[in-house]
């Protein structure tokens, strides 16, 4: 087991204990609320890399060489992240998440019932995330800074998702995409990395460097994630990757295609994306145009450029070498995985 697996297991253990207690408490209010809380626990504990909470843990460890006292905060990071994911899946009409059904698909009554619970419990998870911070044993001044960070970045990610859905109905420029992306994954990495740094007593200079690094990590991750959402096979992704095209989304590789493809191909791509109800043949054609005009290659290189910048910045901090290497390995993995999608 490598360090990442070890830290993930520690966070999972703490998260499991937390939600067992939450579900037990919820049942004293109403049996159904207890049942829903148990479903939330199952959703939270589906296997996957805890990138956000491990970022908090490793940043904190990088300044303190400790991990035990940050684990409850890592639980808060996971609650924060999954509340956003529940809402994302609902808005994007995704039916699966990490090998299981999306949260709004878990309930048997009808669509409105599941969708309503997804709205409510996305909000519940954010509330629980803040509560874990209030109940932590860290200095109140530092906790206050982290709570403000959570509130700022929760607002930011919701603003970015507002633009993301707007872009389904218009053609954004590259500059507009960056405005949107500056508050998407970048907000998650800012919250997770700076939480660990603030609670770990990082110097002010490092906080500034890490905030800039988180922005570049977010850009690199978003570009890669959007490429996966268009070009990965269903076997690689664990669910259909037709959704982004069917929703008319405009990730960076589509914006580049509108610039790089010839006039006829641009019109064809626009027609497919605007239609939102097309078959497998049209979706494959859209992928061919994006690849053929060089837009996919350009998006990959843009992601790699941000990855390199993030690593350069993190290396300038006073974090331990172990923590720097964690981020380097993670960021390298994001960049290298771009070669899987051709």
C-alpha atoms as a PDB file:
ATOM      1  CA  UNK A   1       0.000   0.000   0.000  1.00  0.00           C
ATOM      2  CA  UNK A   2       1.490   3.360  -0.993  1.00  0.00           C
ATOM      3  CA  UNK A   3       1.177   6.508   1.114  1.00  0.00           C
ATOM      4  CA  UNK A   4      -1.826   7.767  -0.859  1.00  0.00           C
ATOM      5  CA  UNK A   5      -3.722   4.523  -0.217  1.00  0.00           C
ATOM      6  CA  UNK A   6      -2.760   4.631   3.453  1.00  0.00           C
ATOM      7  CA  UNK A   7      -3.990   8.204   3.904  1.00  0.00           C
ATOM      8  CA  UNK A   8      -7.172   7.453   1.943  1.00  0.00           C
ATOM      9  CA  UNK A   9      -7.920   4.518   4.240  1.00  0.00           C
ATOM     10  CA  UNK A  10      -7.393   6.687   7.343  1.00  0.00           C
ATOM     11  CA  UNK A  11      -9.800   9.298   6.000  1.00  0.00           C
ATOM     12  CA  UNK A  12     -12.323   6.612   5.033  1.00  0.00           C
ATOM     13  CA  UNK A  13     -12.216   5.151   8.548  1.00  0.00           C
ATOM     14  CA  UNK A  14     -12.871   8.549  10.112  1.00  0.00           C
ATOM     15  CA  UNK A  15     -15.603   9.321   7.557  1.00  0.00           C
ATOM     16  CA  UNK A  16     -17.289   5.959   8.240  1.00  0.00           C
ATOM     17  CA  UNK A  17     -17.314   6.559  11.994  1.00  0.00           C
ATOM     18  CA  UNK A  18     -18.639  10.078  11.505  1.00  0.00           C
ATOM     19  CA  UNK A  19     -21.569   8.998   9.324  1.00  0.00           C
ATOM     20  CA  UNK A  20     -22.470   6.017  11.465  1.00  0.00           C
ATOM     21  CA  UNK A  21     -22.934   8.450  14.354  1.00  0.00           C
ATOM     22  CA  UNK A  22     -24.841  10.924  12.148  1.00  0.00           C
ATOM     23  CA  UNK A  23     -27.219   8.206  10.910  1.00  0.00           C
ATOM     24  CA  UNK A  24     -27.857   6.952  14.422  1.00  0.00           C
ATOM     25  CA  UNK A  25     -28.663  10.474  15.592  1.00  0.00           C
ATOM     26  CA  UNK A  26     -30.881  11.098  12.544  1.00  0.00           C
ATOM     27  CA  UNK A  27     -33.022   8.047  13.358  1.00  0.00           C
ATOM     28  CA  UNK A  28     -33.997   9.607  16.658  1.00  0.00           C
ATOM     29  CA  UNK A  29     -35.597  12.423  14.645  1.00  0.00           C
ATOM     30  CA  UNK A  30     -37.365  10.212  12.070  1.00  0.00           C
ATOM     31  CA  UNK A  31     -36.643   6.710  10.693  1.00  0.00           C
ATOM     32  CA  UNK A  32     -36.687   7.963   7.110  1.00  0.00           C
ATOM     33  CA  UNK A  33     -34.126  10.683   7.853  1.00  0.00           C
ATOM     34  CA  UNK A  34     -31.964   7.921   9.320  1.00  0.00           C
ATOM     35  CA  UNK A  35     -32.396   5.888   6.129  1.00  0.00           C
ATOM     36  CA  UNK A  36     -31.431   8.855   3.947  1.00  0.00           C
ATOM     37  CA  UNK A  37     -28.404   9.557   6.136  1.00  0.00           C
ATOM     38  CA  UNK A  38     -27.331   5.942   5.675  1.00  0.00           C
ATOM     39  CA  UNK A  39     -27.631   6.390   1.891  1.00  0.00           C
ATOM     40  CA  UNK A  40     -25.487   9.513   2.144  1.00  0.00           C
ATOM     41  CA  UNK A  41     -22.898   7.490   4.042  1.00  0.00           C
ATOM     42  CA  UNK A  42     -22.858   4.832   1.304  1.00  0.00           C
ATOM     43  CA  UNK A  43     -22.489   7.551  -1.332  1.00  0.00           C
ATOM     44  CA  UNK A  44     -19.605   9.177   0.543  1.00  0.00           C
ATOM     45  CA  UNK A  45     -17.747   5.908   1.113  1.00  0.00           C
ATOM     46  CA  UNK A  46     -17.728   4.591  -2.439  1.00  0.00           C
ATOM     47  CA  UNK A  47     -14.162   3.740  -3.338  1.00  0.00           C
ATOM     48  CA  UNK A  48     -12.079   6.445  -4.921  1.00  0.00           C
ATOM     49  CA  UNK A  49      -9.002   8.559  -4.348  1.00  0.00           C
ATOM     50  CA  UNK A  50      -9.591  11.231  -1.726  1.00  0.00           C
ATOM     51  CA  UNK A  51      -7.697  13.852  -3.706  1.00  0.00           C
ATOM     52  CA  UNK A  52      -9.273  16.862  -1.983  1.00  0.00           C
ATOM     53  CA  UNK A  53      -8.963  15.626   1.599  1.00  0.00           C
ATOM     54  CA  UNK A  54      -5.528  14.111   0.965  1.00  0.00           C
ATOM     55  CA  UNK A  55      -4.471  17.531  -0.314  1.00  0.00           C
ATOM     56  CA  UNK A  56      -5.538  18.985   3.036  1.00  0.00           C
ATOM     57  CA  UNK A  57      -3.819  16.212   4.990  1.00  0.00           C
ATOM     58  CA  UNK A  58      -0.536  16.362   3.058  1.00  0.00           C
ATOM     59  CA  UNK A  59      -0.386  20.155   3.139  1.00  0.00           C
ATOM     60  CA  UNK A  60      -0.946  20.118   6.897  1.00  0.00           C
ATOM     61  CA  UNK A  61       1.600  17.326   7.346  1.00  0.00           C
ATOM     62  CA  UNK A  62       4.035  19.292   5.212  1.00  0.00           C
ATOM     63  CA  UNK A  63       4.137  22.030   7.854  1.00  0.00           C
ATOM     64  CA  UNK A  64       3.644  20.012  11.065  1.00  0.00           C
ATOM     65  CA  UNK A  65       4.697  16.406  10.372  1.00  0.00           C
ATOM     66  CA  UNK A  66       1.388  15.365  12.003  1.00  0.00           C
ATOM     67  CA  UNK A  67      -1.808  13.825  10.649  1.00  0.00           C
ATOM     68  CA  UNK A  68      -4.042  12.635  13.510  1.00  0.00           C
ATOM     69  CA  UNK A  69      -5.395  16.050  14.438  1.00  0.00           C
ATOM     70  CA  UNK A  70      -6.315  16.976  10.840  1.00  0.00           C
ATOM     71  CA  UNK A  71      -8.415  13.868  10.051  1.00  0.00           C
ATOM     72  CA  UNK A  72     -11.714  15.328  11.304  1.00  0.00           C
ATOM     73  CA  UNK A  73     -11.114  18.370   9.103  1.00  0.00           C
ATOM     74  CA  UNK A  74     -10.467  15.994   6.184  1.00  0.00           C
ATOM     75  CA  UNK A  75     -13.936  14.581   6.858  1.00  0.00           C
ATOM     76  CA  UNK A  76     -15.256  18.126   6.498  1.00  0.00           C
ATOM     77  CA  UNK A  77     -13.476  18.494   3.156  1.00  0.00           C
ATOM     78  CA  UNK A  78     -15.137  15.299   1.898  1.00  0.00           C
ATOM     79  CA  UNK A  79     -18.559  16.475   3.080  1.00  0.00           C
ATOM     80  CA  UNK A  80     -17.990  19.811   1.319  1.00  0.00           C
ATOM     81  CA  UNK A  81     -16.866  18.096  -1.893  1.00  0.00           C
ATOM     82  CA  UNK A  82     -19.684  15.547  -2.008  1.00  0.00           C
ATOM     83  CA  UNK A  83     -22.362  18.148  -1.379  1.00  0.00           C
ATOM     84  CA  UNK A  84     -21.153  19.852  -4.555  1.00  0.00           C
ATOM     85  CA  UNK A  85     -21.058  16.530  -6.427  1.00  0.00           C
ATOM     86  CA  UNK A  86     -24.667  15.707  -5.480  1.00  0.00           C
ATOM     87  CA  UNK A  87     -25.789  19.018  -6.975  1.00  0.00           C
ATOM     88  CA  UNK A  88     -23.524  18.619 -10.029  1.00  0.00           C
ATOM     89  CA  UNK A  89     -24.941  15.203 -10.860  1.00  0.00           C
ATOM     90  CA  UNK A  90     -28.470  16.524 -10.499  1.00  0.00           C
ATOM     91  CA  UNK A  91     -27.926  19.514 -12.781  1.00  0.00           C
ATOM     92  CA  UNK A  92     -25.993  17.486 -15.374  1.00  0.00           C
ATOM     93  CA  UNK A  93     -28.559  14.643 -15.262  1.00  0.00           C
ATOM     94  CA  UNK A  94     -25.828  12.118 -14.565  1.00  0.00           C
ATOM     95  CA  UNK A  95     -27.140   8.737 -13.527  1.00  0.00           C
ATOM     96  CA  UNK A  96     -23.972   7.223 -12.047  1.00  0.00           C
ATOM     97  CA  UNK A  97     -21.161   8.232  -9.724  1.00  0.00           C
ATOM     98  CA  UNK A  98     -18.155   6.015  -8.929  1.00  0.00           C
ATOM     99  CA  UNK A  99     -19.731   2.708  -9.821  1.00  0.00           C
ATOM    100  CA  UNK A 100     -23.122   3.379  -8.243  1.00  0.00           C
ATOM    101  CA  UNK A 101     -26.195   5.432  -8.923  1.00  0.00           C
ATOM    102  CA  UNK A 102     -26.045   9.203  -8.593  1.00  0.00           C
ATOM    103  CA  UNK A 103     -27.585  10.347  -5.325  1.00  0.00           C
ATOM    104  CA  UNK A 104     -30.809  11.629  -6.920  1.00  0.00           C
ATOM    105  CA  UNK A 105     -31.292   8.203  -8.549  1.00  0.00           C
ATOM    106  CA  UNK A 106     -31.163   6.259  -5.274  1.00  0.00           C
ATOM    107  CA  UNK A 107     -34.793   6.790  -4.284  1.00  0.00           C
ATOM    108  CA  UNK A 108     -37.639   4.727  -5.686  1.00  0.00           C
ATOM    109  CA  UNK A 109     -40.672   7.032  -5.648  1.00  0.00           C
ATOM    110  CA  UNK A 110     -40.260   9.276  -8.708  1.00  0.00           C
ATOM    111  CA  UNK A 111     -37.830  11.736 -10.272  1.00  0.00           C
ATOM    112  CA  UNK A 112     -39.098  14.742  -8.318  1.00  0.00           C
ATOM    113  CA  UNK A 113     -38.651  12.907  -5.032  1.00  0.00           C
ATOM    114  CA  UNK A 114     -35.009  11.983  -5.696  1.00  0.00           C
ATOM    115  CA  UNK A 115     -34.182  15.371  -7.158  1.00  0.00           C
ATOM    116  CA  UNK A 116     -35.671  17.135  -4.147  1.00  0.00           C
ATOM    117  CA  UNK A 117     -33.631  15.026  -1.738  1.00  0.00           C
ATOM    118  CA  UNK A 118     -30.493  15.795  -3.771  1.00  0.00           C
ATOM    119  CA  UNK A 119     -31.093  19.540  -3.331  1.00  0.00           C
ATOM    120  CA  UNK A 120     -31.726  19.199   0.386  1.00  0.00           C
ATOM    121  CA  UNK A 121     -28.866  16.833   1.173  1.00  0.00           C
ATOM    122  CA  UNK A 122     -26.311  18.712  -0.891  1.00  0.00           C
ATOM    123  CA  UNK A 123     -27.141  21.587   1.455  1.00  0.00           C
ATOM    124  CA  UNK A 124     -27.058  19.314   4.515  1.00  0.00           C
ATOM    125  CA  UNK A 125     -23.533  18.167   3.643  1.00  0.00           C
ATOM    126  CA  UNK A 126     -22.299  21.746   3.388  1.00  0.00           C
ATOM    127  CA  UNK A 127     -23.798  22.476   6.794  1.00  0.00           C
ATOM    128  CA  UNK A 128     -22.143  19.377   8.249  1.00  0.00           C
ATOM    129  CA  UNK A 129     -18.813  20.349   6.684  1.00  0.00           C
ATOM    130  CA  UNK A 130     -18.871  23.713   8.476  1.00  0.00           C
ATOM    131  CA  UNK A 131     -19.876  22.039  11.732  1.00  0.00           C
ATOM    132  CA  UNK A 132     -16.821  19.751  11.624  1.00  0.00           C
ATOM    133  CA  UNK A 133     -14.668  22.878  11.531  1.00  0.00           C
ATOM    134  CA  UNK A 134     -16.494  24.532  14.431  1.00  0.00           C
ATOM    135  CA  UNK A 135     -16.044  21.361  16.482  1.00  0.00           C
ATOM    136  CA  UNK A 136     -12.352  20.863  15.659  1.00  0.00           C
ATOM    137  CA  UNK A 137      -9.674  21.475  18.286  1.00  0.00           C
ATOM    138  CA  UNK A 138      -7.749  24.068  16.304  1.00  0.00           C
ATOM    139  CA  UNK A 139      -7.189  27.671  17.311  1.00  0.00           C
ATOM    140  CA  UNK A 140     -10.378  29.704  16.866  1.00  0.00           C
ATOM    141  CA  UNK A 141      -8.603  32.357  14.812  1.00  0.00           C
ATOM    142  CA  UNK A 142      -7.342  29.771  12.331  1.00  0.00           C
ATOM    143  CA  UNK A 143     -10.707  27.995  12.225  1.00  0.00           C
ATOM    144  CA  UNK A 144     -12.385  31.314  11.460  1.00  0.00           C
ATOM    145  CA  UNK A 145     -10.086  31.819   8.477  1.00  0.00           C
ATOM    146  CA  UNK A 146     -10.859  28.327   7.187  1.00  0.00           C
ATOM    147  CA  UNK A 147     -14.613  28.796   7.579  1.00  0.00           C
ATOM    148  CA  UNK A 148     -14.390  32.053   5.610  1.00  0.00           C
ATOM    149  CA  UNK A 149     -12.419  30.114   2.989  1.00  0.00           C
ATOM    150  CA  UNK A 150     -15.180  27.472   2.787  1.00  0.00           C
ATOM    151  CA  UNK A 151     -17.881  30.130   2.475  1.00  0.00           C
ATOM    152  CA  UNK A 152     -15.995  32.094  -0.184  1.00  0.00           C
ATOM    153  CA  UNK A 153     -15.192  29.027  -2.252  1.00  0.00           C
ATOM    154  CA  UNK A 154     -18.677  27.535  -1.939  1.00  0.00           C
ATOM    155  CA  UNK A 155     -20.072  30.775  -3.342  1.00  0.00           C
ATOM    156  CA  UNK A 156     -17.364  30.727  -6.020  1.00  0.00           C
ATOM    157  CA  UNK A 157     -18.026  27.183  -7.213  1.00  0.00           C
ATOM    158  CA  UNK A 158     -21.758  27.883  -7.460  1.00  0.00           C
ATOM    159  CA  UNK A 159     -21.030  30.999  -9.515  1.00  0.00           C
ATOM    160  CA  UNK A 160     -18.793  28.950 -11.815  1.00  0.00           C
ATOM    161  CA  UNK A 161     -21.524  26.347 -12.270  1.00  0.00           C
ATOM    162  CA  UNK A 162     -23.931  29.155 -13.152  1.00  0.00           C
ATOM    163  CA  UNK A 163     -21.598  30.198 -15.966  1.00  0.00           C
ATOM    164  CA  UNK A 164     -21.056  26.588 -17.004  1.00  0.00           C
ATOM    165  CA  UNK A 165     -24.769  26.108 -17.592  1.00  0.00           C
ATOM    166  CA  UNK A 166     -24.985  29.502 -19.346  1.00  0.00           C
ATOM    167  CA  UNK A 167     -22.283  28.306 -21.746  1.00  0.00           C
ATOM    168  CA  UNK A 168     -24.595  25.478 -22.847  1.00  0.00           C
ATOM    169  CA  UNK A 169     -26.666  28.216 -24.519  1.00  0.00           C
ATOM    170  CA  UNK A 170     -23.896  30.446 -25.920  1.00  0.00           C
ATOM    171  CA  UNK A 171     -20.371  30.229 -27.327  1.00  0.00           C
ATOM    172  CA  UNK A 172     -17.879  31.442 -24.724  1.00  0.00           C
ATOM    173  CA  UNK A 173     -14.451  32.762 -25.609  1.00  0.00           C
ATOM    174  CA  UNK A 174     -11.267  31.262 -24.175  1.00  0.00           C
ATOM    175  CA  UNK A 175     -11.132  34.245 -21.816  1.00  0.00           C
ATOM    176  CA  UNK A 176     -14.678  33.546 -20.594  1.00  0.00           C
ATOM    177  CA  UNK A 177     -13.795  29.891 -20.045  1.00  0.00           C
ATOM    178  CA  UNK A 178     -10.919  30.971 -17.791  1.00  0.00           C
ATOM    179  CA  UNK A 179     -13.250  33.279 -15.842  1.00  0.00           C
ATOM    180  CA  UNK A 180     -15.551  30.310 -15.234  1.00  0.00           C
ATOM    181  CA  UNK A 181     -12.743  27.830 -14.493  1.00  0.00           C
ATOM    182  CA  UNK A 182     -11.055  30.202 -12.033  1.00  0.00           C
ATOM    183  CA  UNK A 183     -13.857  29.288  -9.610  1.00  0.00           C
ATOM    184  CA  UNK A 184     -14.519  25.657 -10.527  1.00  0.00           C
ATOM    185  CA  UNK A 185     -11.946  22.972  -9.594  1.00  0.00           C
ATOM    186  CA  UNK A 186      -9.614  25.824  -8.661  1.00  0.00           C
ATOM    187  CA  UNK A 187     -11.977  26.641  -5.782  1.00  0.00           C
ATOM    188  CA  UNK A 188     -11.862  23.065  -4.487  1.00  0.00           C
ATOM    189  CA  UNK A 189      -8.065  22.920  -4.551  1.00  0.00           C
ATOM    190  CA  UNK A 190      -7.819  26.376  -3.020  1.00  0.00           C
ATOM    191  CA  UNK A 191     -10.098  25.331  -0.159  1.00  0.00           C
ATOM    192  CA  UNK A 192      -8.417  21.979   0.421  1.00  0.00           C
ATOM    193  CA  UNK A 193      -4.781  23.100   0.152  1.00  0.00           C
ATOM    194  CA  UNK A 194      -5.164  26.364   2.052  1.00  0.00           C
ATOM    195  CA  UNK A 195      -7.137  24.654   4.831  1.00  0.00           C
ATOM    196  CA  UNK A 196      -4.171  22.405   5.514  1.00  0.00           C
ATOM    197  CA  UNK A 197      -1.730  25.300   5.234  1.00  0.00           C
ATOM    198  CA  UNK A 198      -3.667  27.683   7.506  1.00  0.00           C
ATOM    199  CA  UNK A 199      -4.228  25.072  10.210  1.00  0.00           C
ATOM    200  CA  UNK A 200      -0.622  23.952   9.852  1.00  0.00           C
ATOM    201  CA  UNK A 201       0.704  27.443  10.505  1.00  0.00           C
ATOM    202  CA  UNK A 202       2.212  28.026   7.057  1.00  0.00           C
ATOM    203  CA  UNK A 203       3.939  31.392   6.574  1.00  0.00           C
ATOM    204  CA  UNK A 204       2.008  34.120   4.757  1.00  0.00           C
ATOM    205  CA  UNK A 205       4.297  33.883   1.725  1.00  0.00           C
ATOM    206  CA  UNK A 206       3.493  30.193   1.324  1.00  0.00           C
ATOM    207  CA  UNK A 207      -0.242  30.874   1.537  1.00  0.00           C
ATOM    208  CA  UNK A 208       0.058  33.242  -1.414  1.00  0.00           C
ATOM    209  CA  UNK A 209       2.109  30.731  -3.408  1.00  0.00           C
ATOM    210  CA  UNK A 210      -0.298  27.879  -2.654  1.00  0.00           C
ATOM    211  CA  UNK A 211      -3.301  29.965  -3.667  1.00  0.00           C
ATOM    212  CA  UNK A 212      -1.716  30.590  -7.067  1.00  0.00           C
ATOM    213  CA  UNK A 213      -0.645  26.942  -7.352  1.00  0.00           C
ATOM    214  CA  UNK A 214      -4.207  25.783  -6.584  1.00  0.00           C
ATOM    215  CA  UNK A 215      -5.457  27.899  -9.482  1.00  0.00           C
ATOM    216  CA  UNK A 216      -3.114  26.147 -11.907  1.00  0.00           C
ATOM    217  CA  UNK A 217      -3.925  22.710 -10.472  1.00  0.00           C
ATOM    218  CA  UNK A 218      -7.610  23.515 -10.956  1.00  0.00           C
ATOM    219  CA  UNK A 219      -7.159  24.590 -14.569  1.00  0.00           C
ATOM    220  CA  UNK A 220      -5.116  21.489 -15.387  1.00  0.00           C
ATOM    221  CA  UNK A 221      -7.591  19.201 -13.644  1.00  0.00           C
ATOM    222  CA  UNK A 222     -10.657  20.804 -15.256  1.00  0.00           C
ATOM    223  CA  UNK A 223      -9.231  20.523 -18.767  1.00  0.00           C
ATOM    224  CA  UNK A 224      -8.302  16.876 -18.173  1.00  0.00           C
ATOM    225  CA  UNK A 225     -11.698  16.097 -16.597  1.00  0.00           C
ATOM    226  CA  UNK A 226     -13.535  17.667 -19.535  1.00  0.00           C
ATOM    227  CA  UNK A 227     -11.415  15.681 -21.995  1.00  0.00           C
ATOM    228  CA  UNK A 228     -12.330  12.508 -20.101  1.00  0.00           C
ATOM    229  CA  UNK A 229     -15.979  13.576 -20.309  1.00  0.00           C
ATOM    230  CA  UNK A 230     -15.784  13.620 -24.101  1.00  0.00           C
ATOM    231  CA  UNK A 231     -13.160  11.073 -25.119  1.00  0.00           C
ATOM    232  CA  UNK A 232     -12.942   8.333 -22.469  1.00  0.00           C
ATOM    233  CA  UNK A 233     -14.560   4.988 -23.171  1.00  0.00           C
ATOM    234  CA  UNK A 234     -17.442   3.899 -20.968  1.00  0.00           C
ATOM    235  CA  UNK A 235     -15.123   1.216 -19.556  1.00  0.00           C
ATOM    236  CA  UNK A 236     -12.521   3.853 -18.590  1.00  0.00           C
ATOM    237  CA  UNK A 237     -15.037   6.308 -17.154  1.00  0.00           C
ATOM    238  CA  UNK A 238     -17.528   3.925 -15.549  1.00  0.00           C
ATOM    239  CA  UNK A 239     -20.447   5.660 -17.281  1.00  0.00           C
ATOM    240  CA  UNK A 240     -21.417   7.040 -20.673  1.00  0.00           C
ATOM    241  CA  UNK A 241     -19.288   9.933 -21.940  1.00  0.00           C
ATOM    242  CA  UNK A 242     -21.911  11.260 -24.364  1.00  0.00           C
ATOM    243  CA  UNK A 243     -23.432  13.540 -21.727  1.00  0.00           C
ATOM    244  CA  UNK A 244     -21.332  16.679 -22.215  1.00  0.00           C
ATOM    245  CA  UNK A 245     -22.056  16.796 -25.946  1.00  0.00           C
ATOM    246  CA  UNK A 246     -25.744  16.005 -25.420  1.00  0.00           C
ATOM    247  CA  UNK A 247     -26.015  18.842 -22.898  1.00  0.00           C
ATOM    248  CA  UNK A 248     -24.286  21.265 -25.248  1.00  0.00           C
ATOM    249  CA  UNK A 249     -21.381  21.942 -22.897  1.00  0.00           C
ATOM    250  CA  UNK A 250     -18.469  24.084 -24.095  1.00  0.00           C
ATOM    251  CA  UNK A 251     -15.241  22.780 -22.529  1.00  0.00           C
ATOM    252  CA  UNK A 252     -11.957  24.302 -23.628  1.00  0.00           C
ATOM    253  CA  UNK A 253     -11.370  21.702 -26.360  1.00  0.00           C
ATOM    254  CA  UNK A 254     -14.700  22.658 -27.989  1.00  0.00           C
ATOM    255  CA  UNK A 255     -13.882  26.376 -27.777  1.00  0.00           C
ATOM    256  CA  UNK A 256     -10.527  25.660 -29.422  1.00  0.00           C
ATOM    257  CA  UNK A 257     -12.297  23.628 -32.135  1.00  0.00           C
ATOM    258  CA  UNK A 258     -14.501  26.597 -32.955  1.00  0.00           C
ATOM    259  CA  UNK A 259     -11.262  28.523 -33.586  1.00  0.00           C
ATOM    260  CA  UNK A 260      -9.199  25.871 -35.374  1.00  0.00           C
ATOM    261  CA  UNK A 261     -11.646  23.861 -37.498  1.00  0.00           C
ATOM    262  CA  UNK A 262     -12.426  24.968 -41.047  1.00  0.00           C
ATOM    263  CA  UNK A 263     -15.711  26.745 -41.704  1.00  0.00           C
ATOM    264  CA  UNK A 264     -17.613  23.656 -42.796  1.00  0.00           C
ATOM    265  CA  UNK A 265     -16.453  21.630 -39.791  1.00  0.00           C
ATOM    266  CA  UNK A 266     -17.256  24.487 -37.406  1.00  0.00           C
ATOM    267  CA  UNK A 267     -20.812  24.607 -38.740  1.00  0.00           C
ATOM    268  CA  UNK A 268     -21.121  20.821 -38.450  1.00  0.00           C
ATOM    269  CA  UNK A 269     -19.814  20.813 -34.880  1.00  0.00           C
ATOM    270  CA  UNK A 270     -22.124  23.670 -33.889  1.00  0.00           C
ATOM    271  CA  UNK A 271     -25.084  21.833 -35.382  1.00  0.00           C
ATOM    272  CA  UNK A 272     -24.328  18.661 -33.405  1.00  0.00           C
ATOM    273  CA  UNK A 273     -23.765  20.480 -30.117  1.00  0.00           C
ATOM    274  CA  UNK A 274     -26.794  22.747 -30.476  1.00  0.00           C
ATOM    275  CA  UNK A 275     -29.086  19.829 -31.333  1.00  0.00           C
ATOM    276  CA  UNK A 276     -28.581  18.180 -27.902  1.00  0.00           C
ATOM    277  CA  UNK A 277     -30.495  15.147 -29.189  1.00  0.00           C
ATOM    278  CA  UNK A 278     -28.176  13.248 -31.497  1.00  0.00           C
ATOM    279  CA  UNK A 279     -27.094   9.653 -31.920  1.00  0.00           C
ATOM    280  CA  UNK A 280     -23.787   7.854 -31.521  1.00  0.00           C
ATOM    281  CA  UNK A 281     -22.744   8.594 -35.111  1.00  0.00           C
ATOM    282  CA  UNK A 282     -23.056  12.362 -34.650  1.00  0.00           C
ATOM    283  CA  UNK A 283     -21.260  12.246 -31.311  1.00  0.00           C
ATOM    284  CA  UNK A 284     -18.394  10.305 -32.888  1.00  0.00           C
ATOM    285  CA  UNK A 285     -18.281  12.884 -35.670  1.00  0.00           C
ATOM    286  CA  UNK A 286     -17.993  15.712 -33.125  1.00  0.00           C
ATOM    287  CA  UNK A 287     -15.065  13.893 -31.524  1.00  0.00           C
ATOM    288  CA  UNK A 288     -13.407  13.473 -34.934  1.00  0.00           C
ATOM    289  CA  UNK A 289     -13.679  17.199 -35.676  1.00  0.00           C
ATOM    290  CA  UNK A 290     -12.236  18.179 -32.278  1.00  0.00           C
ATOM    291  CA  UNK A 291      -9.311  15.805 -32.754  1.00  0.00           C
ATOM    292  CA  UNK A 292      -8.760  16.436 -36.442  1.00  0.00           C
ATOM    293  CA  UNK A 293      -8.454  20.221 -36.215  1.00  0.00           C
ATOM    294  CA  UNK A 294      -5.898  20.037 -33.406  1.00  0.00           C
ATOM    295  CA  UNK A 295      -8.205  21.296 -30.639  1.00  0.00           C
ATOM    296  CA  UNK A 296      -7.758  18.196 -28.476  1.00  0.00           C
ATOM    297  CA  UNK A 297      -3.964  18.419 -28.748  1.00  0.00           C
ATOM    298  CA  UNK A 298      -4.032  22.124 -27.905  1.00  0.00           C
ATOM    299  CA  UNK A 299      -6.224  21.540 -24.838  1.00  0.00           C
ATOM    300  CA  UNK A 300      -3.872  18.798 -23.647  1.00  0.00           C
ATOM    301  CA  UNK A 301      -0.862  21.083 -23.959  1.00  0.00           C
ATOM    302  CA  UNK A 302      -2.701  23.848 -22.103  1.00  0.00           C
ATOM    303  CA  UNK A 303      -3.410  21.420 -19.265  1.00  0.00           C
ATOM    304  CA  UNK A 304       0.252  20.359 -19.161  1.00  0.00           C
ATOM    305  CA  UNK A 305       1.382  23.999 -19.086  1.00  0.00           C
ATOM    306  CA  UNK A 306      -0.747  24.669 -16.014  1.00  0.00           C
ATOM    307  CA  UNK A 307       0.508  21.443 -14.421  1.00  0.00           C
ATOM    308  CA  UNK A 308       4.142  22.502 -14.861  1.00  0.00           C
ATOM    309  CA  UNK A 309       3.420  25.939 -13.399  1.00  0.00           C
ATOM    310  CA  UNK A 310       1.680  24.387 -10.369  1.00  0.00           C
ATOM    311  CA  UNK A 311       4.667  22.145  -9.629  1.00  0.00           C
ATOM    312  CA  UNK A 312       7.092  25.066  -9.966  1.00  0.00           C
ATOM    313  CA  UNK A 313       5.095  27.071  -7.445  1.00  0.00           C
ATOM    314  CA  UNK A 314       4.680  24.252  -4.920  1.00  0.00           C
ATOM    315  CA  UNK A 315       8.437  23.644  -5.017  1.00  0.00           C
ATOM    316  CA  UNK A 316       8.938  27.244  -3.844  1.00  0.00           C
ATOM    317  CA  UNK A 317       7.092  26.635  -0.567  1.00  0.00           C
ATOM    318  CA  UNK A 318       8.648  25.486   2.702  1.00  0.00           C
ATOM    319  CA  UNK A 319       6.528  22.319   2.853  1.00  0.00           C
ATOM    320  CA  UNK A 320       8.292  19.032   3.466  1.00  0.00           C
ATOM    321  CA  UNK A 321       9.661  17.114   0.512  1.00  0.00           C
ATOM    322  CA  UNK A 322       7.124  14.330   1.128  1.00  0.00           C
ATOM    323  CA  UNK A 323       4.237  16.740   0.661  1.00  0.00           C
ATOM    324  CA  UNK A 324       5.820  18.393  -2.360  1.00  0.00           C
ATOM    325  CA  UNK A 325       6.318  14.955  -3.920  1.00  0.00           C
ATOM    326  CA  UNK A 326       2.663  14.055  -3.273  1.00  0.00           C
ATOM    327  CA  UNK A 327       1.502  17.075  -5.244  1.00  0.00           C
ATOM    328  CA  UNK A 328       4.101  16.514  -7.946  1.00  0.00           C
ATOM    329  CA  UNK A 329       3.004  12.889  -8.387  1.00  0.00           C
ATOM    330  CA  UNK A 330      -0.688  13.816  -8.442  1.00  0.00           C
ATOM    331  CA  UNK A 331      -0.204  16.677 -10.892  1.00  0.00           C
ATOM    332  CA  UNK A 332       2.068  14.532 -13.084  1.00  0.00           C
ATOM    333  CA  UNK A 333      -0.617  11.835 -13.096  1.00  0.00           C
ATOM    334  CA  UNK A 334      -3.218  14.339 -14.298  1.00  0.00           C
ATOM    335  CA  UNK A 335      -0.909  15.518 -17.085  1.00  0.00           C
ATOM    336  CA  UNK A 336       0.270  12.053 -18.116  1.00  0.00           C
ATOM    337  CA  UNK A 337      -3.258  10.621 -18.184  1.00  0.00           C
ATOM    338  CA  UNK A 338      -4.065  12.990 -21.039  1.00  0.00           C
ATOM    339  CA  UNK A 339      -2.255  10.520 -23.312  1.00  0.00           C
ATOM    340  CA  UNK A 340      -4.943   7.897 -22.627  1.00  0.00           C
ATOM    341  CA  UNK A 341      -7.536   9.850 -24.616  1.00  0.00           C
ATOM    342  CA  UNK A 342      -6.799   9.993 -28.317  1.00  0.00           C
END
